[in-house]
C-alpha atoms as a PDB file:
ATOM      1  CA  MET A   1       0.000   0.000   0.000  1.00  0.00           C
ATOM      2  CA  GLY A   2       1.134   3.581  -0.657  1.00  0.00           C
ATOM      3  CA  ASP A   3       2.006   6.202   1.905  1.00  0.00           C
ATOM      4  CA  TYR A   4      -0.630   7.059   4.462  1.00  0.00           C
ATOM      5  CA  LEU A   5      -1.135   8.461   7.945  1.00  0.00           C
ATOM      6  CA  VAL A   6      -3.381   7.341  10.786  1.00  0.00           C
ATOM      7  CA  ARG A   7      -4.787   9.457  13.614  1.00  0.00           C
ATOM      8  CA  ALA A   8      -5.699   7.654  16.801  1.00  0.00           C
ATOM      9  CA  ILE A   9      -6.363   7.936  20.504  1.00  0.00           C
ATOM     10  CA  ALA A  10      -5.330   5.428  23.145  1.00  0.00           C
ATOM     11  CA  PHE A  11      -6.336   4.638  26.696  1.00  0.00           C
ATOM     12  CA  GLU A  12      -9.758   6.256  26.322  1.00  0.00           C
ATOM     13  CA  GLY A  13      -8.459   9.556  24.996  1.00  0.00           C
ATOM     14  CA  LYS A  14      -5.634  10.065  27.470  1.00  0.00           C
ATOM     15  CA  VAL A  15      -3.121   9.672  24.630  1.00  0.00           C
ATOM     16  CA  ARG A  16      -3.247  11.170  21.137  1.00  0.00           C
ATOM     17  CA  ALA A  17      -1.187   9.436  18.470  1.00  0.00           C
ATOM     18  CA  TYR A  18      -0.161   9.761  14.843  1.00  0.00           C
ATOM     19  CA  ALA A  19       1.798   7.303  12.718  1.00  0.00           C
ATOM     20  CA  VAL A  20       2.757   7.611   9.070  1.00  0.00           C
ATOM     21  CA  LYS A  21       4.559   5.852   6.249  1.00  0.00           C
ATOM     22  CA  THR A  22       6.366   8.352   3.986  1.00  0.00           C
ATOM     23  CA  THR A  23       8.613   6.159   1.833  1.00  0.00           C
ATOM     24  CA  ASP A  24       7.212   7.286  -1.522  1.00  0.00           C
ATOM     25  CA  MET A  25       6.881  10.922  -0.433  1.00  0.00           C
ATOM     26  CA  VAL A  26      10.492  11.168   0.666  1.00  0.00           C
ATOM     27  CA  GLY A  27      11.592   9.173  -2.362  1.00  0.00           C
ATOM     28  CA  GLU A  28       9.998  11.759  -4.640  1.00  0.00           C
ATOM     29  CA  ALA A  29      11.748  14.606  -2.805  1.00  0.00           C
ATOM     30  CA  VAL A  30      15.078  12.774  -3.063  1.00  0.00           C
ATOM     31  CA  ARG A  31      14.560  12.190  -6.786  1.00  0.00           C
ATOM     32  CA  ARG A  32      13.674  15.813  -7.463  1.00  0.00           C
ATOM     33  CA  HIS A  33      16.508  17.316  -5.430  1.00  0.00           C
ATOM     34  CA  ASP A  34      19.211  14.688  -6.065  1.00  0.00           C
ATOM     35  CA  THR A  35      20.014  14.507  -2.361  1.00  0.00           C
ATOM     36  CA  TRP A  36      22.875  12.358  -1.125  1.00  0.00           C
ATOM     37  CA  PRO A  37      22.115   9.793   1.624  1.00  0.00           C
ATOM     38  CA  THR A  38      22.752  11.859   4.772  1.00  0.00           C
ATOM     39  CA  ALA A  39      20.924  14.841   3.297  1.00  0.00           C
ATOM     40  CA  SER A  40      18.089  12.488   2.256  1.00  0.00           C
ATOM     41  CA  ALA A  41      17.733  11.210   5.810  1.00  0.00           C
ATOM     42  CA  ALA A  42      17.634  14.740   7.235  1.00  0.00           C
ATOM     43  CA  LEU A  43      15.092  15.958   4.691  1.00  0.00           C
ATOM     44  CA  GLY A  44      13.009  12.793   5.092  1.00  0.00           C
ATOM     45  CA  ARG A  45      12.884  13.058   8.879  1.00  0.00           C
ATOM     46  CA  ALA A  46      11.837  16.716   8.659  1.00  0.00           C
ATOM     47  CA  MET A  47       9.174  15.989   6.023  1.00  0.00           C
ATOM     48  CA  THR A  48       7.793  13.075   8.048  1.00  0.00           C
ATOM     49  CA  ALA A  49       7.453  15.093  11.253  1.00  0.00           C
ATOM     50  CA  THR A  50       5.976  18.092   9.437  1.00  0.00           C
ATOM     51  CA  THR A  51       3.435  15.871   7.660  1.00  0.00           C
ATOM     52  CA  MET A  52       2.160  14.621  11.012  1.00  0.00           C
ATOM     53  CA  MET A  53       2.026  18.188  12.325  1.00  0.00           C
ATOM     54  CA  GLY A  54       0.031  19.148   9.239  1.00  0.00           C
ATOM     55  CA  ALA A  55      -2.435  16.387  10.087  1.00  0.00           C
ATOM     56  CA  MET A  56      -3.131  18.201  13.353  1.00  0.00           C
ATOM     57  CA  LEU A  57      -4.533  21.137  11.356  1.00  0.00           C
ATOM     58  CA  LYS A  58      -7.957  21.615   9.766  1.00  0.00           C
ATOM     59  CA  GLY A  59      -9.396  22.817   6.466  1.00  0.00           C
ATOM     60  CA  GLU A  60      -7.043  25.068   4.513  1.00  0.00           C
ATOM     61  CA  ASP A  61      -4.577  25.547   7.393  1.00  0.00           C
ATOM     62  CA  LYS A  62      -0.876  25.234   6.528  1.00  0.00           C
ATOM     63  CA  ILE A  63       2.378  24.762   8.391  1.00  0.00           C
ATOM     64  CA  THR A  64       5.969  25.639   7.532  1.00  0.00           C
ATOM     65  CA  VAL A  65       8.942  24.235   9.434  1.00  0.00           C
ATOM     66  CA  LYS A  66      12.419  25.749   9.094  1.00  0.00           C
ATOM     67  CA  ILE A  67      15.492  24.084  10.573  1.00  0.00           C
ATOM     68  CA  GLU A  68      18.782  25.984  10.653  1.00  0.00           C
ATOM     69  CA  GLY A  69      21.487  24.246  12.634  1.00  0.00           C
ATOM     70  CA  GLY A  70      24.638  25.695  11.138  1.00  0.00           C
ATOM     71  CA  GLY A  71      25.675  22.365   9.587  1.00  0.00           C
ATOM     72  CA  PRO A  72      26.838  21.790   6.000  1.00  0.00           C
ATOM     73  CA  ILE A  73      23.336  20.860   4.837  1.00  0.00           C
ATOM     74  CA  GLY A  74      22.237  24.461   5.328  1.00  0.00           C
ATOM     75  CA  GLN A  75      18.600  25.169   6.092  1.00  0.00           C
ATOM     76  CA  ILE A  76      15.775  22.653   5.735  1.00  0.00           C
ATOM     77  CA  ILE A  77      12.387  24.076   4.730  1.00  0.00           C
ATOM     78  CA  VAL A  78       9.218  21.938   4.735  1.00  0.00           C
ATOM     79  CA  ASP A  79       5.600  22.921   4.023  1.00  0.00           C
ATOM     80  CA  SER A  80       2.558  20.747   4.759  1.00  0.00           C
ATOM     81  CA  ASN A  81      -1.202  21.067   5.166  1.00  0.00           C
ATOM     82  CA  ALA A  82      -4.226  19.296   6.613  1.00  0.00           C
ATOM     83  CA  ARG A  83      -4.657  17.224   3.422  1.00  0.00           C
ATOM     84  CA  GLY A  84      -1.369  15.363   3.717  1.00  0.00           C
ATOM     85  CA  GLU A  85       0.366  17.343   0.964  1.00  0.00           C
ATOM     86  CA  THR A  86       4.007  18.022   1.792  1.00  0.00           C
ATOM     87  CA  ARG A  87       6.987  19.553   0.016  1.00  0.00           C
ATOM     88  CA  GLY A  88      10.494  20.371   1.176  1.00  0.00           C
ATOM     89  CA  TYR A  89      14.111  21.043   0.297  1.00  0.00           C
ATOM     90  CA  VAL A  90      17.555  21.453   1.835  1.00  0.00           C
ATOM     91  CA  GLY A  91      20.064  24.212   1.196  1.00  0.00           C
ATOM     92  CA  ASN A  92      22.817  21.809   0.142  1.00  0.00           C
ATOM     93  CA  PRO A  93      21.529  18.445  -1.131  1.00  0.00           C
ATOM     94  CA  HIS A  94      25.005  17.008  -1.744  1.00  0.00           C
ATOM     95  CA  VAL A  95      25.994  16.169   1.844  1.00  0.00           C
ATOM     96  CA  HIS A  96      26.995  12.698   3.011  1.00  0.00           C
ATOM     97  CA  PHE A  97      29.181  11.320   5.813  1.00  0.00           C
ATOM     98  CA  ASP A  98      30.278   7.949   7.093  1.00  0.00           C
ATOM     99  CA  LEU A  99      27.850   6.268   9.494  1.00  0.00           C
ATOM    100  CA  ASN A 100      27.950   7.529  13.082  1.00  0.00           C
ATOM    101  CA  SER A 101      28.965   5.488  16.128  1.00  0.00           C
ATOM    102  CA  ALA A 102      25.458   3.982  16.297  1.00  0.00           C
ATOM    103  CA  GLY A 103      25.776   2.716  12.721  1.00  0.00           C
ATOM    104  CA  LYS A 104      23.242   5.248  11.406  1.00  0.00           C
ATOM    105  CA  LEU A 105      23.381   8.078   8.894  1.00  0.00           C
ATOM    106  CA  ASP A 106      24.976  11.033  10.672  1.00  0.00           C
ATOM    107  CA  VAL A 107      22.059  13.471  10.411  1.00  0.00           C
ATOM    108  CA  ALA A 108      23.182  15.497  13.438  1.00  0.00           C
ATOM    109  CA  ARG A 109      26.522  16.249  11.792  1.00  0.00           C
ATOM    110  CA  ALA A 110      24.797  17.332   8.585  1.00  0.00           C
ATOM    111  CA  VAL A 111      22.182  19.497  10.312  1.00  0.00           C
ATOM    112  CA  GLY A 112      24.288  20.867  13.174  1.00  0.00           C
ATOM    113  CA  LYS A 113      22.778  22.035  16.444  1.00  0.00           C
ATOM    114  CA  ASP A 114      23.894  25.636  16.587  1.00  0.00           C
ATOM    115  CA  GLY A 115      20.538  27.079  15.633  1.00  0.00           C
ATOM    116  CA  PHE A 116      16.794  26.750  15.790  1.00  0.00           C
ATOM    117  CA  LEU A 117      13.741  24.768  14.744  1.00  0.00           C
ATOM    118  CA  SER A 118      11.002  27.246  13.821  1.00  0.00           C
ATOM    119  CA  VAL A 119       7.334  26.586  13.104  1.00  0.00           C
ATOM    120  CA  VAL A 120       4.861  28.920  11.391  1.00  0.00           C
ATOM    121  CA  LYS A 121       1.191  27.924  11.285  1.00  0.00           C
ATOM    122  CA  ASP A 122      -1.161  29.728   8.908  1.00  0.00           C
ATOM    123  CA  LEU A 123      -4.546  29.131  10.517  1.00  0.00           C
ATOM    124  CA  GLY A 124      -6.450  31.557   8.301  1.00  0.00           C
ATOM    125  CA  MET A 125      -6.372  34.337  10.890  1.00  0.00           C
ATOM    126  CA  ARG A 126      -4.802  37.775  10.694  1.00  0.00           C
ATOM    127  CA  GLU A 127      -1.781  36.723  12.728  1.00  0.00           C
ATOM    128  CA  LYS A 128       0.145  33.529  12.057  1.00  0.00           C
ATOM    129  CA  PHE A 129       1.190  31.320  14.968  1.00  0.00           C
ATOM    130  CA  THR A 130       4.961  31.152  15.283  1.00  0.00           C
ATOM    131  CA  GLY A 131       7.144  29.118  17.613  1.00  0.00           C
ATOM    132  CA  SER A 132      10.877  28.561  17.764  1.00  0.00           C
ATOM    133  CA  VAL A 133      13.154  26.439  19.932  1.00  0.00           C
ATOM    134  CA  PRO A 134      16.900  25.831  19.999  1.00  0.00           C
ATOM    135  CA  LEU A 135      18.071  22.612  18.390  1.00  0.00           C
ATOM    136  CA  ILE A 136      19.140  20.200  21.110  1.00  0.00           C
ATOM    137  CA  SER A 137      20.591  17.316  19.084  1.00  0.00           C
ATOM    138  CA  GLY A 138      20.285  17.860  15.338  1.00  0.00           C
ATOM    139  CA  GLU A 139      18.870  14.333  15.047  1.00  0.00           C
ATOM    140  CA  LEU A 140      15.460  16.007  14.531  1.00  0.00           C
ATOM    141  CA  GLY A 141      13.252  13.498  16.344  1.00  0.00           C
ATOM    142  CA  GLU A 142      14.468  14.827  19.690  1.00  0.00           C
ATOM    143  CA  ASP A 143      14.277  18.384  18.376  1.00  0.00           C
ATOM    144  CA  PHE A 144      10.626  18.060  17.353  1.00  0.00           C
ATOM    145  CA  THR A 145       9.904  16.450  20.730  1.00  0.00           C
ATOM    146  CA  TYR A 146      11.485  19.438  22.465  1.00  0.00           C
ATOM    147  CA  TYR A 147       9.454  21.812  20.284  1.00  0.00           C
ATOM    148  CA  PHE A 148       6.149  20.283  21.402  1.00  0.00           C
ATOM    149  CA  VAL A 149       7.118  20.306  25.077  1.00  0.00           C
ATOM    150  CA  SER A 150       8.637  23.780  25.078  1.00  0.00           C
ATOM    151  CA  SER A 151       6.596  25.753  22.551  1.00  0.00           C
ATOM    152  CA  GLU A 152       3.189  24.036  22.693  1.00  0.00           C
ATOM    153  CA  GLN A 153       3.385  22.731  26.285  1.00  0.00           C
ATOM    154  CA  THR A 154       2.337  19.253  25.123  1.00  0.00           C
ATOM    155  CA  PRO A 155       4.319  16.283  26.531  1.00  0.00           C
ATOM    156  CA  SER A 156       5.206  14.355  23.383  1.00  0.00           C
ATOM    157  CA  SER A 157       7.504  11.785  21.840  1.00  0.00           C
ATOM    158  CA  VAL A 158       8.453  12.098  18.181  1.00  0.00           C
ATOM    159  CA  GLY A 159      10.074   9.229  16.308  1.00  0.00           C
ATOM    160  CA  VAL A 160      11.195   9.630  12.685  1.00  0.00           C
ATOM    161  CA  GLY A 161      13.466   7.481  10.566  1.00  0.00           C
ATOM    162  CA  VAL A 162      14.708   7.028   7.008  1.00  0.00           C
ATOM    163  CA  LEU A 163      16.614   4.136   5.418  1.00  0.00           C
ATOM    164  CA  VAL A 164      18.499   4.799   2.174  1.00  0.00           C
ATOM    165  CA  ASN A 165      19.357   2.186  -0.459  1.00  0.00           C
ATOM    166  CA  PRO A 166      22.897   1.858  -1.896  1.00  0.00           C
ATOM    167  CA  ASP A 167      21.626   3.510  -5.100  1.00  0.00           C
ATOM    168  CA  HIS A 168      20.489   6.522  -2.975  1.00  0.00           C
ATOM    169  CA  SER A 169      16.776   5.737  -3.370  1.00  0.00           C
ATOM    170  CA  ILE A 170      14.600   5.514  -0.259  1.00  0.00           C
ATOM    171  CA  LEU A 171      14.135   2.048   1.229  1.00  0.00           C
ATOM    172  CA  ALA A 172      11.811   3.033   4.072  1.00  0.00           C
ATOM    173  CA  SER A 173      10.630   6.184   5.806  1.00  0.00           C
ATOM    174  CA  GLY A 174       8.074   6.893   8.490  1.00  0.00           C
ATOM    175  CA  GLY A 175       7.390   8.149  11.961  1.00  0.00           C
ATOM    176  CA  PHE A 176       5.072   8.606  14.917  1.00  0.00           C
ATOM    177  CA  ILE A 177       4.033  11.314  17.363  1.00  0.00           C
ATOM    178  CA  ILE A 178       2.695  10.342  20.786  1.00  0.00           C
ATOM    179  CA  GLN A 179       1.109  13.065  22.926  1.00  0.00           C
ATOM    180  CA  LEU A 180      -0.143  12.872  26.498  1.00  0.00           C
ATOM    181  CA  MET A 181      -3.518  14.428  27.190  1.00  0.00           C
ATOM    182  CA  PRO A 182      -4.907  15.561  30.555  1.00  0.00           C
ATOM    183  CA  GLY A 183      -5.683  12.539  32.722  1.00  0.00           C
ATOM    184  CA  ALA A 184      -2.606  10.508  31.832  1.00  0.00           C
ATOM    185  CA  ASP A 185      -1.274   9.151  35.129  1.00  0.00           C
ATOM    186  CA  ASP A 186       2.252   8.181  36.156  1.00  0.00           C
ATOM    187  CA  GLU A 187       1.625   4.458  35.659  1.00  0.00           C
ATOM    188  CA  MET A 188       0.479   5.038  32.069  1.00  0.00           C
ATOM    189  CA  ILE A 189       3.430   7.331  31.392  1.00  0.00           C
ATOM    190  CA  ASP A 190       5.874   4.721  32.723  1.00  0.00           C
ATOM    191  CA  LEU A 191       4.261   2.056  30.523  1.00  0.00           C
ATOM    192  CA  ILE A 192       4.534   4.215  27.398  1.00  0.00           C
ATOM    193  CA  GLU A 193       8.141   5.165  28.154  1.00  0.00           C
ATOM    194  CA  THR A 194       9.048   1.482  28.537  1.00  0.00           C
ATOM    195  CA  LYS A 195       7.327   0.587  25.268  1.00  0.00           C
ATOM    196  CA  LEU A 196       9.085   3.428  23.438  1.00  0.00           C
ATOM    197  CA  GLN A 197      12.465   2.221  24.707  1.00  0.00           C
ATOM    198  CA  GLN A 198      11.704  -1.317  23.515  1.00  0.00           C
ATOM    199  CA  LEU A 199      10.395  -0.242  20.102  1.00  0.00           C
ATOM    200  CA  PRO A 200      12.792  -0.997  17.208  1.00  0.00           C
ATOM    201  CA  PRO A 201      13.778   1.948  14.984  1.00  0.00           C
ATOM    202  CA  ILE A 202      10.689   3.199  13.171  1.00  0.00           C
ATOM    203  CA  SER A 203      12.387   2.928   9.769  1.00  0.00           C
ATOM    204  CA  LYS A 204      13.089  -0.774  10.426  1.00  0.00           C
ATOM    205  CA  LEU A 205       9.411  -1.369  11.216  1.00  0.00           C
ATOM    206  CA  ILE A 206       8.374   0.366   7.981  1.00  0.00           C
ATOM    207  CA  GLN A 207      10.962  -1.663   6.059  1.00  0.00           C
ATOM    208  CA  ALA A 208       9.522  -4.854   7.546  1.00  0.00           C
ATOM    209  CA  GLY A 209       6.108  -3.890   6.166  1.00  0.00           C
ATOM    210  CA  MET A 210       4.444  -2.892   9.427  1.00  0.00           C
ATOM    211  CA  PRO A 211       1.517  -0.537   8.678  1.00  0.00           C
ATOM    212  CA  PRO A 212       1.203   2.705  10.673  1.00  0.00           C
ATOM    213  CA  GLU A 213      -1.738   1.447  12.733  1.00  0.00           C
ATOM    214  CA  GLU A 214       0.162  -1.680  13.776  1.00  0.00           C
ATOM    215  CA  ILE A 215       3.031   0.495  14.995  1.00  0.00           C
ATOM    216  CA  LEU A 216       0.560   2.112  17.374  1.00  0.00           C
ATOM    217  CA  TYR A 217      -0.841  -1.300  18.354  1.00  0.00           C
ATOM    218  CA  SER A 218       2.681  -2.448  19.241  1.00  0.00           C
ATOM    219  CA  LEU A 219       3.107   0.590  21.479  1.00  0.00           C
ATOM    220  CA  PHE A 220      -0.202   0.548  23.324  1.00  0.00           C
ATOM    221  CA  GLY A 221      -1.823  -2.822  22.672  1.00  0.00           C
ATOM    222  CA  GLU A 222      -4.514  -3.096  19.982  1.00  0.00           C
ATOM    223  CA  GLU A 223      -7.275  -3.258  22.590  1.00  0.00           C
ATOM    224  CA  ASN A 224      -6.226   0.184  23.898  1.00  0.00           C
ATOM    225  CA  VAL A 225      -6.132   1.981  20.528  1.00  0.00           C
ATOM    226  CA  LYS A 226      -8.984   3.585  18.613  1.00  0.00           C
ATOM    227  CA  ILE A 227      -8.111   4.572  15.043  1.00  0.00           C
ATOM    228  CA  LEU A 228      -9.958   7.793  14.247  1.00  0.00           C
ATOM    229  CA  ASP A 229      -9.163   8.030  10.547  1.00  0.00           C
ATOM    230  CA  GLN A 230      -6.490   7.635   7.914  1.00  0.00           C
ATOM    231  CA  MET A 231      -5.474   9.670   4.888  1.00  0.00           C
ATOM    232  CA  GLY A 232      -3.032   9.365   2.044  1.00  0.00           C
ATOM    233  CA  VAL A 233       0.078  11.555   2.129  1.00  0.00           C
ATOM    234  CA  LEU A 234       2.270  12.595  -0.782  1.00  0.00           C
ATOM    235  CA  PHE A 235       4.876  14.982  -2.084  1.00  0.00           C
ATOM    236  CA  GLN A 236       2.873  17.818  -3.602  1.00  0.00           C
ATOM    237  CA  CYS A 237       4.045  21.273  -4.647  1.00  0.00           C
ATOM    238  CA  ALA A 238       1.757  24.248  -5.165  1.00  0.00           C
ATOM    239  CA  CYS A 239       3.979  25.938  -7.742  1.00  0.00           C
ATOM    240  CA  SER A 240       2.792  26.687 -11.286  1.00  0.00           C
ATOM    241  CA  LYS A 241       3.853  28.741 -14.299  1.00  0.00           C
ATOM    242  CA  ASP A 242       1.088  31.224 -13.505  1.00  0.00           C
ATOM    243  CA  ARG A 243       2.456  31.779 -10.000  1.00  0.00           C
ATOM    244  CA  PHE A 244       5.920  32.439 -11.385  1.00  0.00           C
ATOM    245  CA  SER A 245       4.368  34.772 -13.948  1.00  0.00           C
ATOM    246  CA  GLN A 246       2.933  36.829 -11.109  1.00  0.00           C
ATOM    247  CA  ALA A 247       6.306  36.775  -9.372  1.00  0.00           C
ATOM    248  CA  ILE A 248       8.014  38.108 -12.501  1.00  0.00           C
ATOM    249  CA  ILE A 249       5.377  40.851 -12.832  1.00  0.00           C
ATOM    250  CA  SER A 250       6.067  41.859  -9.231  1.00  0.00           C
ATOM    251  CA  LEU A 251       9.702  42.548 -10.180  1.00  0.00           C
ATOM    252  CA  GLY A 252       8.555  45.608 -12.114  1.00  0.00           C
ATOM    253  CA  LYS A 253       8.697  46.657 -15.729  1.00  0.00           C
ATOM    254  CA  GLU A 254      12.356  47.756 -15.689  1.00  0.00           C
ATOM    255  CA  GLU A 255      13.548  44.337 -14.528  1.00  0.00           C
ATOM    256  CA  ILE A 256      11.367  42.556 -17.090  1.00  0.00           C
ATOM    257  CA  LYS A 257      12.624  44.891 -19.848  1.00  0.00           C
ATOM    258  CA  SER A 258      16.162  43.984 -18.843  1.00  0.00           C
ATOM    259  CA  MET A 259      15.327  40.264 -19.191  1.00  0.00           C
ATOM    260  CA  ILE A 260      13.932  40.844 -22.671  1.00  0.00           C
ATOM    261  CA  ASP A 261      16.846  42.991 -23.862  1.00  0.00           C
ATOM    262  CA  GLU A 262      19.692  40.958 -22.361  1.00  0.00           C
ATOM    263  CA  ASP A 263      18.578  37.341 -22.741  1.00  0.00           C
ATOM    264  CA  GLY A 264      15.297  37.332 -24.614  1.00  0.00           C
ATOM    265  CA  GLU A 265      14.072  34.602 -22.308  1.00  0.00           C
ATOM    266  CA  ALA A 266      13.976  33.556 -18.640  1.00  0.00           C
ATOM    267  CA  GLU A 267      13.912  30.365 -16.616  1.00  0.00           C
ATOM    268  CA  THR A 268      12.651  30.062 -13.051  1.00  0.00           C
ATOM    269  CA  VAL A 269      13.170  27.135 -10.688  1.00  0.00           C
ATOM    270  CA  CYS A 270      10.968  26.217  -7.716  1.00  0.00           C
ATOM    271  CA  HIS A 271      13.054  25.675  -4.570  1.00  0.00           C
ATOM    272  CA  PHE A 272      10.543  23.194  -3.195  1.00  0.00           C
ATOM    273  CA  CYS A 273      10.197  20.788  -6.116  1.00  0.00           C
ATOM    274  CA  ASN A 274      12.999  21.767  -8.524  1.00  0.00           C
ATOM    275  CA  GLU A 275      10.496  22.194 -11.342  1.00  0.00           C
ATOM    276  CA  LYS A 276      11.715  24.560 -14.069  1.00  0.00           C
ATOM    277  CA  TYR A 277       9.502  27.045 -15.923  1.00  0.00           C
ATOM    278  CA  HIS A 278      10.692  28.639 -19.172  1.00  0.00           C
ATOM    279  CA  PHE A 279       9.463  31.998 -20.451  1.00  0.00           C
ATOM    280  CA  ASN A 280      10.202  32.911 -24.079  1.00  0.00           C
ATOM    281  CA  LYS A 281      10.519  36.447 -25.385  1.00  0.00           C
ATOM    282  CA  GLY A 282       6.865  36.698 -26.354  1.00  0.00           C
ATOM    283  CA  GLU A 283       5.738  35.593 -22.893  1.00  0.00           C
ATOM    284  CA  LEU A 284       8.068  38.087 -21.219  1.00  0.00           C
ATOM    285  CA  GLU A 285       6.709  40.860 -23.452  1.00  0.00           C
ATOM    286  CA  GLU A 286       3.180  39.952 -22.327  1.00  0.00           C
ATOM    287  CA  LEU A 287       4.272  40.101 -18.693  1.00  0.00           C
ATOM    288  CA  TYR A 288       5.965  43.451 -19.382  1.00  0.00           C
ATOM    289  CA  GLU A 289       2.686  44.844 -20.675  1.00  0.00           C
ATOM    290  CA  GLU A 290       0.842  43.523 -17.607  1.00  0.00           C
ATOM    291  CA  SER A 291       3.413  45.084 -15.287  1.00  0.00           C
ATOM    292  CA  LYS A 292       2.648  48.511 -16.757  1.00  0.00           C
END
């Protein structure tokens, strides 16, 4: 089955949970941006977490996550929405290191931890919600966990993981977010913490074919979980030639005239999906007229 996300509650609503498979989504991002393995893992972890955060929204609400840790990968930018549509990119896609001491891709070294994880939520109101926390590890799962606890005052555990094939394609990608609601007692918290410590890496579970809902069953026991709904998730960019046309118009007539006189054409590239849009001389002349 393709990528999808499940929303659930456990222990009669005292726990809120999300789990998602993002193998195809991350694979599409990797293909479009030609990321090397360590960069792929960093981008995939960020996209997976942001997709689950998008699933916490409603209607036309959107979320943007920016991670700037000072590492060689540069910034990571990810957008998502309540419909499971996610896009993202990294500043430098060609970053890769030897495996770290735990035998995993060294995401922390690529991302760095001298910086911040910032979240902007567009909830359709005049003011956007913004939150920012210092990076504490650069591994991203821990950093998203810290964001929820510090910025949204919600005790949470975020697990994200990506496995990369020798040919740089994505073997498995997925994640979960567990959040404690009012009424969760110490005994329940201890049980969940023990289960989380015993849980194999999330990417290994996805690789083994475990569906998102079964990941939650393994954490809480199937009898304690109520699946609320599921939805497909995918890499989806909102860019279009028309949007870039409007962007060119916004540059002003002098800039457009310069494009026409110097090159006679223009090409724009979307940061999020790497799609290229070509404008010939006639199209630029039309945009010049509109800009007047």
